[in-house]
Amino acid sequence: MTILLDRLPPEAVLTDKQVCELVGISRDTLWRLERKGDAPPRIQLSARRHGRQLSQVRRRLAARTASPDNAAA
């Protein structure tokens, strides 16, 4: 990913494409996670645009990687 994430403030908003590149999942997987309530919440930017806050993405990623359920996988 060409974005220098360490330089972005925690309140920065990423597109779904950027989130998928950061986490290493497809958009379909992100949308499935969202339907299950396991994705960072959307932030509505305009009538047709939304994003996800970087701090929320990091928090969800940390929670998933620290989960004991994921340790066996």
C-alpha atoms as a PDB file:
ATOM      1  CA  MET A   1       0.000   0.000   0.000  1.00  0.00           C
ATOM      2  CA  THR A   2       1.423   3.312  -1.015  1.00  0.00           C
ATOM      3  CA  ILE A   3      -0.166   5.219   1.860  1.00  0.00           C
ATOM      4  CA  LEU A   4       2.191   5.755   4.769  1.00  0.00           C
ATOM      5  CA  LEU A   5      -0.191   4.654   7.501  1.00  0.00           C
ATOM      6  CA  ASP A   6       2.094   5.727  10.311  1.00  0.00           C
ATOM      7  CA  ARG A   7       1.779   9.318   9.112  1.00  0.00           C
ATOM      8  CA  LEU A   8      -2.015   9.315   8.989  1.00  0.00           C
ATOM      9  CA  PRO A   9      -3.929  10.513  12.032  1.00  0.00           C
ATOM     10  CA  PRO A  10      -6.217   7.954  13.726  1.00  0.00           C
ATOM     11  CA  GLU A  11      -9.272   9.862  12.526  1.00  0.00           C
ATOM     12  CA  ALA A  12      -8.265   9.485   8.859  1.00  0.00           C
ATOM     13  CA  VAL A  13     -10.953   7.849   6.723  1.00  0.00           C
ATOM     14  CA  LEU A  14     -10.004   5.058   4.317  1.00  0.00           C
ATOM     15  CA  THR A  15     -11.991   3.794   1.365  1.00  0.00           C
ATOM     16  CA  ASP A  16     -13.093   0.158   1.294  1.00  0.00           C
ATOM     17  CA  LYS A  17     -10.422  -0.483  -1.334  1.00  0.00           C
ATOM     18  CA  GLN A  18      -7.731   0.913   0.969  1.00  0.00           C
ATOM     19  CA  VAL A  19      -9.061  -1.087   3.920  1.00  0.00           C
ATOM     20  CA  CYS A  20      -8.998  -4.278   1.864  1.00  0.00           C
ATOM     21  CA  GLU A  21      -5.417  -3.636   0.734  1.00  0.00           C
ATOM     22  CA  LEU A  22      -4.350  -2.880   4.294  1.00  0.00           C
ATOM     23  CA  VAL A  23      -5.965  -5.961   5.810  1.00  0.00           C
ATOM     24  CA  GLY A  24      -5.371  -8.272   2.849  1.00  0.00           C
ATOM     25  CA  ILE A  25      -8.972  -9.262   2.130  1.00  0.00           C
ATOM     26  CA  SER A  26     -11.337  -8.867  -0.808  1.00  0.00           C
ATOM     27  CA  ARG A  27     -14.204  -6.385  -0.910  1.00  0.00           C
ATOM     28  CA  ASP A  28     -16.656  -9.287  -0.835  1.00  0.00           C
ATOM     29  CA  THR A  29     -15.067 -10.489   2.401  1.00  0.00           C
ATOM     30  CA  LEU A  30     -15.246  -6.992   3.878  1.00  0.00           C
ATOM     31  CA  TRP A  31     -18.936  -6.778   2.978  1.00  0.00           C
ATOM     32  CA  ARG A  32     -19.575 -10.232   4.479  1.00  0.00           C
ATOM     33  CA  LEU A  33     -17.847  -9.121   7.685  1.00  0.00           C
ATOM     34  CA  GLU A  34     -19.984  -5.982   7.674  1.00  0.00           C
ATOM     35  CA  ARG A  35     -23.207  -8.007   7.363  1.00  0.00           C
ATOM     36  CA  LYS A  36     -22.081 -10.109  10.348  1.00  0.00           C
ATOM     37  CA  GLY A  37     -21.302  -6.945  12.338  1.00  0.00           C
ATOM     38  CA  ASP A  38     -17.596  -7.780  12.404  1.00  0.00           C
ATOM     39  CA  ALA A  39     -16.253  -4.926  10.251  1.00  0.00           C
ATOM     40  CA  PRO A  40     -15.338  -1.372  11.238  1.00  0.00           C
ATOM     41  CA  PRO A  41     -18.406   0.850  10.992  1.00  0.00           C
ATOM     42  CA  ARG A  42     -19.004   2.925   7.877  1.00  0.00           C
ATOM     43  CA  ILE A  43     -18.773   6.687   7.914  1.00  0.00           C
ATOM     44  CA  GLN A  44     -21.044   8.356   5.359  1.00  0.00           C
ATOM     45  CA  LEU A  45     -19.040  11.014   3.514  1.00  0.00           C
ATOM     46  CA  SER A  46     -21.676  11.987   0.947  1.00  0.00           C
ATOM     47  CA  ALA A  47     -24.751  10.506  -0.664  1.00  0.00           C
ATOM     48  CA  ARG A  48     -22.650   8.002  -2.625  1.00  0.00           C
ATOM     49  CA  ARG A  49     -19.362   7.819  -0.690  1.00  0.00           C
ATOM     50  CA  HIS A  50     -18.424   6.204   2.567  1.00  0.00           C
ATOM     51  CA  GLY A  51     -15.259   5.203   4.334  1.00  0.00           C
ATOM     52  CA  ARG A  52     -13.959   3.644   7.508  1.00  0.00           C
ATOM     53  CA  GLN A  53     -11.944   5.365  10.207  1.00  0.00           C
ATOM     54  CA  LEU A  54      -8.338   4.162  10.434  1.00  0.00           C
ATOM     55  CA  SER A  55      -8.453   3.824  14.223  1.00  0.00           C
ATOM     56  CA  GLN A  56     -11.509   1.540  13.944  1.00  0.00           C
ATOM     57  CA  VAL A  57      -9.800  -0.584  11.275  1.00  0.00           C
ATOM     58  CA  ARG A  58      -6.728  -0.973  13.473  1.00  0.00           C
ATOM     59  CA  ARG A  59      -8.862  -1.791  16.518  1.00  0.00           C
ATOM     60  CA  ARG A  60     -10.832  -4.508  14.679  1.00  0.00           C
ATOM     61  CA  LEU A  61      -7.675  -5.959  13.171  1.00  0.00           C
ATOM     62  CA  ALA A  62      -5.964  -6.092  16.580  1.00  0.00           C
ATOM     63  CA  ALA A  63      -9.012  -7.743  18.137  1.00  0.00           C
ATOM     64  CA  ARG A  64      -9.169 -10.405  15.415  1.00  0.00           C
ATOM     65  CA  THR A  65      -5.467 -11.225  15.564  1.00  0.00           C
ATOM     66  CA  ALA A  66      -5.462 -11.378  19.384  1.00  0.00           C
ATOM     67  CA  SER A  67      -8.511 -13.660  19.535  1.00  0.00           C
ATOM     68  CA  PRO A  68      -7.838 -17.152  20.982  1.00  0.00           C
ATOM     69  CA  ASP A  69     -10.124 -18.572  18.260  1.00  0.00           C
ATOM     70  CA  ASN A  70      -7.681 -17.384  15.606  1.00  0.00           C
ATOM     71  CA  ALA A  71      -4.613 -18.848  17.338  1.00  0.00           C
ATOM     72  CA  ALA A  72      -5.507 -22.392  16.250  1.00  0.00           C
ATOM     73  CA  ALA A  73      -5.964 -21.410  12.610  1.00  0.00           C
END
